[in-house]
Amino acid sequence: MATQILTEANFKDEVQEGVTLVDFWATWCPPCRMQGPIVEELADDYAGKAKIAKVDVDHNQNLAAEFGIQSIPTLLVMKDGQLVQQMVGLQRKETLAQEINTALA
């Protein structure tokens, strides 16, 4: 399953139910490009259990500001519309999986 692309228009609706990992990133950010394949793997691993999504900060600056994002990549774990974890910088797959599993429990 591919990652979902979130925007300011659909963000709230998409994270309202269940667990969602959201990757705030930009095309010009080398660590973000390194994070990308890890996020894609998680989308496959958690298909049907959790949503895995991406937000391009260049096109969704208000959304990034709403969460106080100043460094990217920043990854959020959302559960039923609420922020439960925020991680800044390149994250290992195991770390992200652990955070998703905690939110799913």
PDB file of N, CA and C in Angstrom:
ATOM      1  N   MET A   1       0.854  -1.192   0.000  1.00  0.00           N
ATOM      2  CA  MET A   1       0.000   0.000   0.000  1.00  0.00           C
ATOM      3  C   MET A   1       0.887   1.239   0.000  1.00  0.00           C
ATOM      4  N   ALA A   2       0.563   2.173  -0.843  1.00  0.00           N
ATOM      5  CA  ALA A   2       1.355   3.398  -0.928  1.00  0.00           C
ATOM      6  C   ALA A   2       0.984   4.366   0.189  1.00  0.00           C
ATOM      7  N   THR A   3       1.901   5.282   0.451  1.00  0.00           N
ATOM      8  CA  THR A   3       1.596   6.321   1.434  1.00  0.00           C
ATOM      9  C   THR A   3       0.526   7.254   0.867  1.00  0.00           C
ATOM     10  N   GLN A   4      -0.252   7.840   1.755  1.00  0.00           N
ATOM     11  CA  GLN A   4      -1.245   8.825   1.360  1.00  0.00           C
ATOM     12  C   GLN A   4      -0.584  10.191   1.350  1.00  0.00           C
ATOM     13  N   ILE A   5      -1.033  11.044   0.462  1.00  0.00           N
ATOM     14  CA  ILE A   5      -0.566  12.424   0.415  1.00  0.00           C
ATOM     15  C   ILE A   5      -1.611  13.282   1.118  1.00  0.00           C
ATOM     16  N   LEU A   6      -1.182  13.967   2.175  1.00  0.00           N
ATOM     17  CA  LEU A   6      -2.091  14.833   2.916  1.00  0.00           C
ATOM     18  C   LEU A   6      -1.799  16.293   2.603  1.00  0.00           C
ATOM     19  N   THR A   7      -2.857  17.083   2.655  1.00  0.00           N
ATOM     20  CA  THR A   7      -2.756  18.523   2.416  1.00  0.00           C
ATOM     21  C   THR A   7      -3.530  19.241   3.517  1.00  0.00           C
ATOM     22  N   GLU A   8      -3.446  20.542   3.503  1.00  0.00           N
ATOM     23  CA  GLU A   8      -4.220  21.327   4.464  1.00  0.00           C
ATOM     24  C   GLU A   8      -5.714  21.049   4.305  1.00  0.00           C
ATOM     25  N   ALA A   9      -6.138  20.720   3.091  1.00  0.00           N
ATOM     26  CA  ALA A   9      -7.562  20.499   2.824  1.00  0.00           C
ATOM     27  C   ALA A   9      -8.077  19.177   3.394  1.00  0.00           C
ATOM     28  N   ASN A  10      -7.258  18.128   3.389  1.00  0.00           N
ATOM     29  CA  ASN A  10      -7.777  16.817   3.802  1.00  0.00           C
ATOM     30  C   ASN A  10      -7.160  16.277   5.091  1.00  0.00           C
ATOM     31  N   PHE A  11      -6.232  16.992   5.694  1.00  0.00           N
ATOM     32  CA  PHE A  11      -5.487  16.478   6.849  1.00  0.00           C
ATOM     33  C   PHE A  11      -6.407  16.045   7.990  1.00  0.00           C
ATOM     34  N   LYS A  12      -7.255  16.953   8.456  1.00  0.00           N
ATOM     35  CA  LYS A  12      -8.093  16.662   9.629  1.00  0.00           C
ATOM     36  C   LYS A  12      -9.001  15.457   9.397  1.00  0.00           C
ATOM     37  N   ASP A  13      -9.599  15.365   8.208  1.00  0.00           N
ATOM     38  CA  ASP A  13     -10.473  14.230   7.909  1.00  0.00           C
ATOM     39  C   ASP A  13      -9.697  12.916   7.886  1.00  0.00           C
ATOM     40  N   GLU A  14      -8.502  12.938   7.332  1.00  0.00           N
ATOM     41  CA  GLU A  14      -7.732  11.706   7.173  1.00  0.00           C
ATOM     42  C   GLU A  14      -7.152  11.177   8.487  1.00  0.00           C
ATOM     43  N   VAL A  15      -6.866  12.043   9.438  1.00  0.00           N
ATOM     44  CA  VAL A  15      -6.275  11.586  10.708  1.00  0.00           C
ATOM     45  C   VAL A  15      -7.321  11.445  11.819  1.00  0.00           C
ATOM     46  N   GLN A  16      -8.584  11.682  11.496  1.00  0.00           N
ATOM     47  CA  GLN A  16      -9.640  11.708  12.512  1.00  0.00           C
ATOM     48  C   GLN A  16      -9.874  10.355  13.177  1.00  0.00           C
ATOM     49  N   GLU A  17      -9.721   9.269  12.426  1.00  0.00           N
ATOM     50  CA  GLU A  17     -10.002   7.942  12.980  1.00  0.00           C
ATOM     51  C   GLU A  17      -8.780   7.045  12.834  1.00  0.00           C
ATOM     52  N   GLY A  18      -8.514   6.294  13.900  1.00  0.00           N
ATOM     53  CA  GLY A  18      -7.430   5.326  13.870  1.00  0.00           C
ATOM     54  C   GLY A  18      -6.077   5.974  14.075  1.00  0.00           C
ATOM     55  N   VAL A  19      -5.038   5.210  13.731  1.00  0.00           N
ATOM     56  CA  VAL A  19      -3.649   5.643  13.913  1.00  0.00           C
ATOM     57  C   VAL A  19      -3.073   6.034  12.557  1.00  0.00           C
ATOM     58  N   THR A  20      -2.396   7.181  12.533  1.00  0.00           N
ATOM     59  CA  THR A  20      -1.767   7.676  11.315  1.00  0.00           C
ATOM     60  C   THR A  20      -0.359   8.161  11.631  1.00  0.00           C
ATOM     61  N   LEU A  21       0.619   7.678  10.868  1.00  0.00           N
ATOM     62  CA  LEU A  21       1.983   8.221  10.916  1.00  0.00           C
ATOM     63  C   LEU A  21       2.074   9.248   9.795  1.00  0.00           C
ATOM     64  N   VAL A  22       2.460  10.474  10.143  1.00  0.00           N
ATOM     65  CA  VAL A  22       2.546  11.551   9.159  1.00  0.00           C
ATOM     66  C   VAL A  22       3.987  12.024   9.062  1.00  0.00           C
ATOM     67  N   ASP A  23       4.542  11.961   7.855  1.00  0.00           N
ATOM     68  CA  ASP A  23       5.904  12.383   7.565  1.00  0.00           C
ATOM     69  C   ASP A  23       5.866  13.771   6.923  1.00  0.00           C
ATOM     70  N   PHE A  24       6.318  14.786   7.653  1.00  0.00           N
ATOM     71  CA  PHE A  24       6.451  16.140   7.093  1.00  0.00           C
ATOM     72  C   PHE A  24       7.826  16.223   6.440  1.00  0.00           C
ATOM     73  N   TRP A  25       7.863  16.548   5.154  1.00  0.00           N
ATOM     74  CA  TRP A  25       9.091  16.459   4.381  1.00  0.00           C
ATOM     75  C   TRP A  25       9.115  17.519   3.276  1.00  0.00           C
ATOM     76  N   ALA A  26      10.245  17.554   2.543  1.00  0.00           N
ATOM     77  CA  ALA A  26      10.370  18.410   1.358  1.00  0.00           C
ATOM     78  C   ALA A  26      11.317  17.729   0.369  1.00  0.00           C
ATOM     79  N   THR A  27      11.133  18.025  -0.899  1.00  0.00           N
ATOM     80  CA  THR A  27      11.942  17.388  -1.947  1.00  0.00           C
ATOM     81  C   THR A  27      13.418  17.774  -1.861  1.00  0.00           C
ATOM     82  N   TRP A  28      13.715  18.955  -1.343  1.00  0.00           N
ATOM     83  CA  TRP A  28      15.086  19.465  -1.306  1.00  0.00           C
ATOM     84  C   TRP A  28      15.850  19.013  -0.064  1.00  0.00           C
ATOM     85  N   CYS A  29      15.241  18.213   0.781  1.00  0.00           N
ATOM     86  CA  CYS A  29      15.804  17.823   2.076  1.00  0.00           C
ATOM     87  C   CYS A  29      16.423  16.424   1.991  1.00  0.00           C
ATOM     88  N   PRO A  30      17.780  16.310   2.003  1.00  0.00           N
ATOM     89  CA  PRO A  30      18.405  14.979   1.902  1.00  0.00           C
ATOM     90  C   PRO A  30      17.964  13.984   2.977  1.00  0.00           C
ATOM     91  N   PRO A  31      17.876  14.358   4.258  1.00  0.00           N
ATOM     92  CA  PRO A  31      17.401  13.368   5.238  1.00  0.00           C
ATOM     93  C   PRO A  31      15.952  12.929   4.966  1.00  0.00           C
ATOM     94  N   CYS A  32      15.152  13.834   4.413  1.00  0.00           N
ATOM     95  CA  CYS A  32      13.772  13.478   4.068  1.00  0.00           C
ATOM     96  C   CYS A  32      13.757  12.418   2.963  1.00  0.00           C
ATOM     97  N   ARG A  33      14.651  12.563   1.999  1.00  0.00           N
ATOM     98  CA  ARG A  33      14.728  11.578   0.921  1.00  0.00           C
ATOM     99  C   ARG A  33      15.211  10.230   1.451  1.00  0.00           C
ATOM    100  N   MET A  34      16.033  10.242   2.496  1.00  0.00           N
ATOM    101  CA  MET A  34      16.462   8.998   3.136  1.00  0.00           C
ATOM    102  C   MET A  34      15.313   8.381   3.935  1.00  0.00           C
ATOM    103  N   GLN A  35      14.475   9.203   4.525  1.00  0.00           N
ATOM    104  CA  GLN A  35      13.344   8.722   5.319  1.00  0.00           C
ATOM    105  C   GLN A  35      12.267   8.113   4.431  1.00  0.00           C
ATOM    106  N   GLY A  36      12.141   8.618   3.217  1.00  0.00           N
ATOM    107  CA  GLY A  36      11.074   8.195   2.304  1.00  0.00           C
ATOM    108  C   GLY A  36      10.911   6.692   2.133  1.00  0.00           C
ATOM    109  N   PRO A  37      11.969   5.959   1.779  1.00  0.00           N
ATOM    110  CA  PRO A  37      11.815   4.508   1.598  1.00  0.00           C
ATOM    111  C   PRO A  37      11.400   3.782   2.878  1.00  0.00           C
ATOM    112  N   ILE A  38      11.835   4.276   4.015  1.00  0.00           N
ATOM    113  CA  ILE A  38      11.442   3.677   5.301  1.00  0.00           C
ATOM    114  C   ILE A  38       9.943   3.854   5.507  1.00  0.00           C
ATOM    115  N   VAL A  39       9.450   5.041   5.214  1.00  0.00           N
ATOM    116  CA  VAL A  39       8.025   5.328   5.356  1.00  0.00           C
ATOM    117  C   VAL A  39       7.215   4.461   4.390  1.00  0.00           C
ATOM    118  N   GLU A  40       7.724   4.279   3.174  1.00  0.00           N
ATOM    119  CA  GLU A  40       7.040   3.428   2.192  1.00  0.00           C
ATOM    120  C   GLU A  40       6.971   1.979   2.682  1.00  0.00           C
ATOM    121  N   GLU A  41       8.049   1.478   3.279  1.00  0.00           N
ATOM    122  CA  GLU A  41       8.048   0.116   3.834  1.00  0.00           C
ATOM    123  C   GLU A  41       6.993  -0.013   4.930  1.00  0.00           C
ATOM    124  N   LEU A  42       6.899   1.003   5.775  1.00  0.00           N
ATOM    125  CA  LEU A  42       5.897   0.976   6.846  1.00  0.00           C
ATOM    126  C   LEU A  42       4.481   0.968   6.281  1.00  0.00           C
ATOM    127  N   ALA A  43       4.270   1.650   5.170  1.00  0.00           N
ATOM    128  CA  ALA A  43       2.951   1.657   4.530  1.00  0.00           C
ATOM    129  C   ALA A  43       2.562   0.230   4.139  1.00  0.00           C
ATOM    130  N   ASP A  44       3.516  -0.535   3.648  1.00  0.00           N
ATOM    131  CA  ASP A  44       3.246  -1.932   3.306  1.00  0.00           C
ATOM    132  C   ASP A  44       3.032  -2.765   4.570  1.00  0.00           C
ATOM    133  N   ASP A  45       3.890  -2.571   5.557  1.00  0.00           N
ATOM    134  CA  ASP A  45       3.830  -3.363   6.795  1.00  0.00           C
ATOM    135  C   ASP A  45       2.524  -3.146   7.566  1.00  0.00           C
ATOM    136  N   TYR A  46       2.004  -1.933   7.528  1.00  0.00           N
ATOM    137  CA  TYR A  46       0.829  -1.589   8.343  1.00  0.00           C
ATOM    138  C   TYR A  46      -0.442  -1.419   7.526  1.00  0.00           C
ATOM    139  N   ALA A  47      -0.442  -1.909   6.294  1.00  0.00           N
ATOM    140  CA  ALA A  47      -1.640  -1.821   5.457  1.00  0.00           C
ATOM    141  C   ALA A  47      -2.824  -2.460   6.187  1.00  0.00           C
ATOM    142  N   GLY A  48      -3.915  -1.713   6.288  1.00  0.00           N
ATOM    143  CA  GLY A  48      -5.100  -2.210   6.959  1.00  0.00           C
ATOM    144  C   GLY A  48      -5.092  -2.021   8.469  1.00  0.00           C
ATOM    145  N   LYS A  49      -3.959  -1.601   9.034  1.00  0.00           N
ATOM    146  CA  LYS A  49      -3.862  -1.410  10.488  1.00  0.00           C
ATOM    147  C   LYS A  49      -3.707   0.061  10.853  1.00  0.00           C
ATOM    148  N   ALA A  50      -2.864   0.768  10.095  1.00  0.00           N
ATOM    149  CA  ALA A  50      -2.595   2.186  10.345  1.00  0.00           C
ATOM    150  C   ALA A  50      -2.372   2.883   9.009  1.00  0.00           C
ATOM    151  N   LYS A  51      -2.686   4.158   8.969  1.00  0.00           N
ATOM    152  CA  LYS A  51      -2.411   4.957   7.767  1.00  0.00           C
ATOM    153  C   LYS A  51      -0.989   5.487   7.857  1.00  0.00           C
ATOM    154  N   ILE A  52      -0.327   5.529   6.726  1.00  0.00           N
ATOM    155  CA  ILE A  52       0.997   6.125   6.626  1.00  0.00           C
ATOM    156  C   ILE A  52       0.877   7.223   5.580  1.00  0.00           C
ATOM    157  N   ALA A  53       1.238   8.444   5.958  1.00  0.00           N
ATOM    158  CA  ALA A  53       0.970   9.588   5.092  1.00  0.00           C
ATOM    159  C   ALA A  53       2.145  10.554   5.070  1.00  0.00           C
ATOM    160  N   LYS A  54       2.148  11.413   4.049  1.00  0.00           N
ATOM    161  CA  LYS A  54       3.204  12.410   3.885  1.00  0.00           C
ATOM    162  C   LYS A  54       2.584  13.782   3.652  1.00  0.00           C
ATOM    163  N   VAL A  55       3.280  14.796   4.156  1.00  0.00           N
ATOM    164  CA  VAL A  55       2.877  16.190   3.932  1.00  0.00           C
ATOM    165  C   VAL A  55       4.098  16.939   3.420  1.00  0.00           C
ATOM    166  N   ASP A  56       3.989  17.518   2.242  1.00  0.00           N
ATOM    167  CA  ASP A  56       5.055  18.335   1.667  1.00  0.00           C
ATOM    168  C   ASP A  56       4.969  19.729   2.304  1.00  0.00           C
ATOM    169  N   VAL A  57       5.973  20.077   3.111  1.00  0.00           N
ATOM    170  CA  VAL A  57       5.916  21.342   3.849  1.00  0.00           C
ATOM    171  C   VAL A  57       5.952  22.560   2.932  1.00  0.00           C
ATOM    172  N   ASP A  58       6.539  22.434   1.752  1.00  0.00           N
ATOM    173  CA  ASP A  58       6.591  23.571   0.832  1.00  0.00           C
ATOM    174  C   ASP A  58       5.200  23.946   0.325  1.00  0.00           C
ATOM    175  N   HIS A  59       4.311  22.967   0.225  1.00  0.00           N
ATOM    176  CA  HIS A  59       2.969  23.216  -0.289  1.00  0.00           C
ATOM    177  C   HIS A  59       1.917  23.296   0.814  1.00  0.00           C
ATOM    178  N   ASN A  60       2.332  23.051   2.052  1.00  0.00           N
ATOM    179  CA  ASN A  60       1.389  23.046   3.175  1.00  0.00           C
ATOM    180  C   ASN A  60       2.012  23.743   4.383  1.00  0.00           C
ATOM    181  N   GLN A  61       2.450  24.977   4.169  1.00  0.00           N
ATOM    182  CA  GLN A  61       3.174  25.708   5.209  1.00  0.00           C
ATOM    183  C   GLN A  61       2.319  25.988   6.442  1.00  0.00           C
ATOM    184  N   ASN A  62       1.035  26.254   6.251  1.00  0.00           N
ATOM    185  CA  ASN A  62       0.161  26.518   7.400  1.00  0.00           C
ATOM    186  C   ASN A  62       0.013  25.282   8.277  1.00  0.00           C
ATOM    187  N   LEU A  63      -0.067  24.120   7.647  1.00  0.00           N
ATOM    188  CA  LEU A  63      -0.191  22.876   8.396  1.00  0.00           C
ATOM    189  C   LEU A  63       1.082  22.596   9.193  1.00  0.00           C
ATOM    190  N   ALA A  64       2.219  22.825   8.569  1.00  0.00           N
ATOM    191  CA  ALA A  64       3.493  22.659   9.277  1.00  0.00           C
ATOM    192  C   ALA A  64       3.575  23.626  10.459  1.00  0.00           C
ATOM    193  N   ALA A  65       3.130  24.847  10.255  1.00  0.00           N
ATOM    194  CA  ALA A  65       3.156  25.851  11.328  1.00  0.00           C
ATOM    195  C   ALA A  65       2.217  25.461  12.462  1.00  0.00           C
ATOM    196  N   GLU A  66       1.087  24.875  12.133  1.00  0.00           N
ATOM    197  CA  GLU A  66       0.115  24.465  13.146  1.00  0.00           C
ATOM    198  C   GLU A  66       0.735  23.473  14.134  1.00  0.00           C
ATOM    199  N   PHE A  67       1.650  22.637  13.646  1.00  0.00           N
ATOM    200  CA  PHE A  67       2.300  21.653  14.510  1.00  0.00           C
ATOM    201  C   PHE A  67       3.683  22.117  14.976  1.00  0.00           C
ATOM    202  N   GLY A  68       4.027  23.363  14.691  1.00  0.00           N
ATOM    203  CA  GLY A  68       5.289  23.921  15.155  1.00  0.00           C
ATOM    204  C   GLY A  68       6.503  23.275  14.514  1.00  0.00           C
ATOM    205  N   ILE A  69       6.360  22.808  13.294  1.00  0.00           N
ATOM    206  CA  ILE A  69       7.449  22.102  12.628  1.00  0.00           C
ATOM    207  C   ILE A  69       8.435  23.107  12.059  1.00  0.00           C
ATOM    208  N   GLN A  70       9.676  23.019  12.537  1.00  0.00           N
ATOM    209  CA  GLN A  70      10.729  23.916  12.074  1.00  0.00           C
ATOM    210  C   GLN A  70      11.882  23.159  11.440  1.00  0.00           C
ATOM    211  N   SER A  71      11.992  21.861  11.723  1.00  0.00           N
ATOM    212  CA  SER A  71      13.020  21.019  11.130  1.00  0.00           C
ATOM    213  C   SER A  71      12.337  19.822  10.480  1.00  0.00           C
ATOM    214  N   ILE A  72      12.896  19.385   9.365  1.00  0.00           N
ATOM    215  CA  ILE A  72      12.355  18.211   8.696  1.00  0.00           C
ATOM    216  C   ILE A  72      13.482  17.227   8.418  1.00  0.00           C
ATOM    217  N   PRO A  73      13.168  15.944   8.351  1.00  0.00           N
ATOM    218  CA  PRO A  73      11.827  15.401   8.512  1.00  0.00           C
ATOM    219  C   PRO A  73      11.347  15.473   9.956  1.00  0.00           C
ATOM    220  N   THR A  74      10.063  15.677  10.096  1.00  0.00           N
ATOM    221  CA  THR A  74       9.379  15.535  11.383  1.00  0.00           C
ATOM    222  C   THR A  74       8.256  14.538  11.167  1.00  0.00           C
ATOM    223  N   LEU A  75       8.166  13.584  12.064  1.00  0.00           N
ATOM    224  CA  LEU A  75       7.144  12.550  11.953  1.00  0.00           C
ATOM    225  C   LEU A  75       6.205  12.627  13.147  1.00  0.00           C
ATOM    226  N   LEU A  76       4.910  12.609  12.857  1.00  0.00           N
ATOM    227  CA  LEU A  76       3.889  12.658  13.888  1.00  0.00           C
ATOM    228  C   LEU A  76       3.149  11.334  13.922  1.00  0.00           C
ATOM    229  N   VAL A  77       2.830  10.878  15.113  1.00  0.00           N
ATOM    230  CA  VAL A  77       1.904   9.761  15.275  1.00  0.00           C
ATOM    231  C   VAL A  77       0.614  10.368  15.813  1.00  0.00           C
ATOM    232  N   MET A  78      -0.453  10.191  15.047  1.00  0.00           N
ATOM    233  CA  MET A  78      -1.766  10.709  15.406  1.00  0.00           C
ATOM    234  C   MET A  78      -2.677   9.526  15.729  1.00  0.00           C
ATOM    235  N   LYS A  79      -3.497   9.677  16.768  1.00  0.00           N
ATOM    236  CA  LYS A  79      -4.487   8.649  17.093  1.00  0.00           C
ATOM    237  C   LYS A  79      -5.828   9.337  17.294  1.00  0.00           C
ATOM    238  N   ASP A  80      -6.784   8.953  16.459  1.00  0.00           N
ATOM    239  CA  ASP A  80      -8.133   9.530  16.508  1.00  0.00           C
ATOM    240  C   ASP A  80      -8.096  11.056  16.525  1.00  0.00           C
ATOM    241  N   GLY A  81      -7.248  11.625  15.672  1.00  0.00           N
ATOM    242  CA  GLY A  81      -7.174  13.069  15.504  1.00  0.00           C
ATOM    243  C   GLY A  81      -6.287  13.798  16.495  1.00  0.00           C
ATOM    244  N   GLN A  82      -5.714  13.070  17.457  1.00  0.00           N
ATOM    245  CA  GLN A  82      -4.876  13.691  18.483  1.00  0.00           C
ATOM    246  C   GLN A  82      -3.409  13.322  18.288  1.00  0.00           C
ATOM    247  N   LEU A  83      -2.534  14.285  18.487  1.00  0.00           N
ATOM    248  CA  LEU A  83      -1.097  14.029  18.414  1.00  0.00           C
ATOM    249  C   LEU A  83      -0.667  13.232  19.641  1.00  0.00           C
ATOM    250  N   VAL A  84      -0.015  12.073  19.408  1.00  0.00           N
ATOM    251  CA  VAL A  84       0.468  11.275  20.535  1.00  0.00           C
ATOM    252  C   VAL A  84       1.992  11.196  20.591  1.00  0.00           C
ATOM    253  N   GLN A  85       2.664  11.489  19.472  1.00  0.00           N
ATOM    254  CA  GLN A  85       4.127  11.460  19.461  1.00  0.00           C
ATOM    255  C   GLN A  85       4.639  12.319  18.308  1.00  0.00           C
ATOM    256  N   GLN A  86       5.732  13.023  18.559  1.00  0.00           N
ATOM    257  CA  GLN A  86       6.381  13.823  17.518  1.00  0.00           C
ATOM    258  C   GLN A  86       7.870  13.541  17.567  1.00  0.00           C
ATOM    259  N   MET A  87       8.445  13.196  16.416  1.00  0.00           N
ATOM    260  CA  MET A  87       9.866  12.870  16.311  1.00  0.00           C
ATOM    261  C   MET A  87      10.499  13.741  15.233  1.00  0.00           C
ATOM    262  N   VAL A  88      11.620  14.346  15.558  1.00  0.00           N
ATOM    263  CA  VAL A  88      12.298  15.242  14.627  1.00  0.00           C
ATOM    264  C   VAL A  88      13.591  14.575  14.155  1.00  0.00           C
ATOM    265  N   GLY A  89      13.836  14.643  12.856  1.00  0.00           N
ATOM    266  CA  GLY A  89      15.053  14.068  12.286  1.00  0.00           C
ATOM    267  C   GLY A  89      14.813  12.676  11.729  1.00  0.00           C
ATOM    268  N   LEU A  90      15.808  12.178  11.029  1.00  0.00           N
ATOM    269  CA  LEU A  90      15.751  10.853  10.416  1.00  0.00           C
ATOM    270  C   LEU A  90      15.543   9.795  11.491  1.00  0.00           C
ATOM    271  N   GLN A  91      14.528   8.938  11.289  1.00  0.00           N
ATOM    272  CA  GLN A  91      14.184   7.910  12.272  1.00  0.00           C
ATOM    273  C   GLN A  91      14.362   6.515  11.672  1.00  0.00           C
ATOM    274  N   ARG A  92      14.804   5.582  12.512  1.00  0.00           N
ATOM    275  CA  ARG A  92      14.942   4.193  12.083  1.00  0.00           C
ATOM    276  C   ARG A  92      13.554   3.570  11.954  1.00  0.00           C
ATOM    277  N   LYS A  93      13.449   2.585  11.073  1.00  0.00           N
ATOM    278  CA  LYS A  93      12.179   1.894  10.872  1.00  0.00           C
ATOM    279  C   LYS A  93      11.685   1.290  12.181  1.00  0.00           C
ATOM    280  N   GLU A  94      12.597   0.701  12.951  1.00  0.00           N
ATOM    281  CA  GLU A  94      12.214   0.048  14.207  1.00  0.00           C
ATOM    282  C   GLU A  94      11.613   1.047  15.203  1.00  0.00           C
ATOM    283  N   THR A  95      12.174   2.241  15.245  1.00  0.00           N
ATOM    284  CA  THR A  95      11.662   3.280  16.145  1.00  0.00           C
ATOM    285  C   THR A  95      10.247   3.677  15.748  1.00  0.00           C
ATOM    286  N   LEU A  96      10.041   3.891  14.457  1.00  0.00           N
ATOM    287  CA  LEU A  96       8.710   4.281  13.979  1.00  0.00           C
ATOM    288  C   LEU A  96       7.700   3.162  14.199  1.00  0.00           C
ATOM    289  N   ALA A  97       8.107   1.918  13.937  1.00  0.00           N
ATOM    290  CA  ALA A  97       7.213   0.782  14.140  1.00  0.00           C
ATOM    291  C   ALA A  97       6.808   0.670  15.607  1.00  0.00           C
ATOM    292  N   GLN A  98       7.750   0.895  16.500  1.00  0.00           N
ATOM    293  CA  GLN A  98       7.454   0.833  17.932  1.00  0.00           C
ATOM    294  C   GLN A  98       6.426   1.897  18.314  1.00  0.00           C
ATOM    295  N   GLU A  99       6.583   3.098  17.784  1.00  0.00           N
ATOM    296  CA  GLU A  99       5.639   4.181  18.096  1.00  0.00           C
ATOM    297  C   GLU A  99       4.250   3.892  17.526  1.00  0.00           C
ATOM    298  N   ILE A 100       4.204   3.326  16.320  1.00  0.00           N
ATOM    299  CA  ILE A 100       2.914   2.961  15.723  1.00  0.00           C
ATOM    300  C   ILE A 100       2.257   1.867  16.558  1.00  0.00           C
ATOM    301  N   ASN A 101       3.032   0.848  16.938  1.00  0.00           N
ATOM    302  CA  ASN A 101       2.485  -0.259  17.733  1.00  0.00           C
ATOM    303  C   ASN A 101       1.948   0.231  19.077  1.00  0.00           C
ATOM    304  N   THR A 102       2.660   1.164  19.694  1.00  0.00           N
ATOM    305  CA  THR A 102       2.202   1.731  20.967  1.00  0.00           C
ATOM    306  C   THR A 102       0.858   2.426  20.782  1.00  0.00           C
ATOM    307  N   ALA A 103       0.732   3.187  19.689  1.00  0.00           N
ATOM    308  CA  ALA A 103      -0.529   3.900  19.430  1.00  0.00           C
ATOM    309  C   ALA A 103      -1.665   2.935  19.092  1.00  0.00           C
ATOM    310  N   LEU A 104      -1.331   1.814  18.461  1.00  0.00           N
ATOM    311  CA  LEU A 104      -2.350   0.826  18.109  1.00  0.00           C
ATOM    312  C   LEU A 104      -2.840   0.035  19.320  1.00  0.00           C
ATOM    313  N   ALA A 105      -2.014  -0.045  20.356  1.00  0.00           N
ATOM    314  CA  ALA A 105      -2.359  -0.889  21.529  1.00  0.00           C
ATOM    315  C   ALA A 105      -3.554  -0.351  22.289  1.00  0.00           C
TER     316      ALA A 105
END
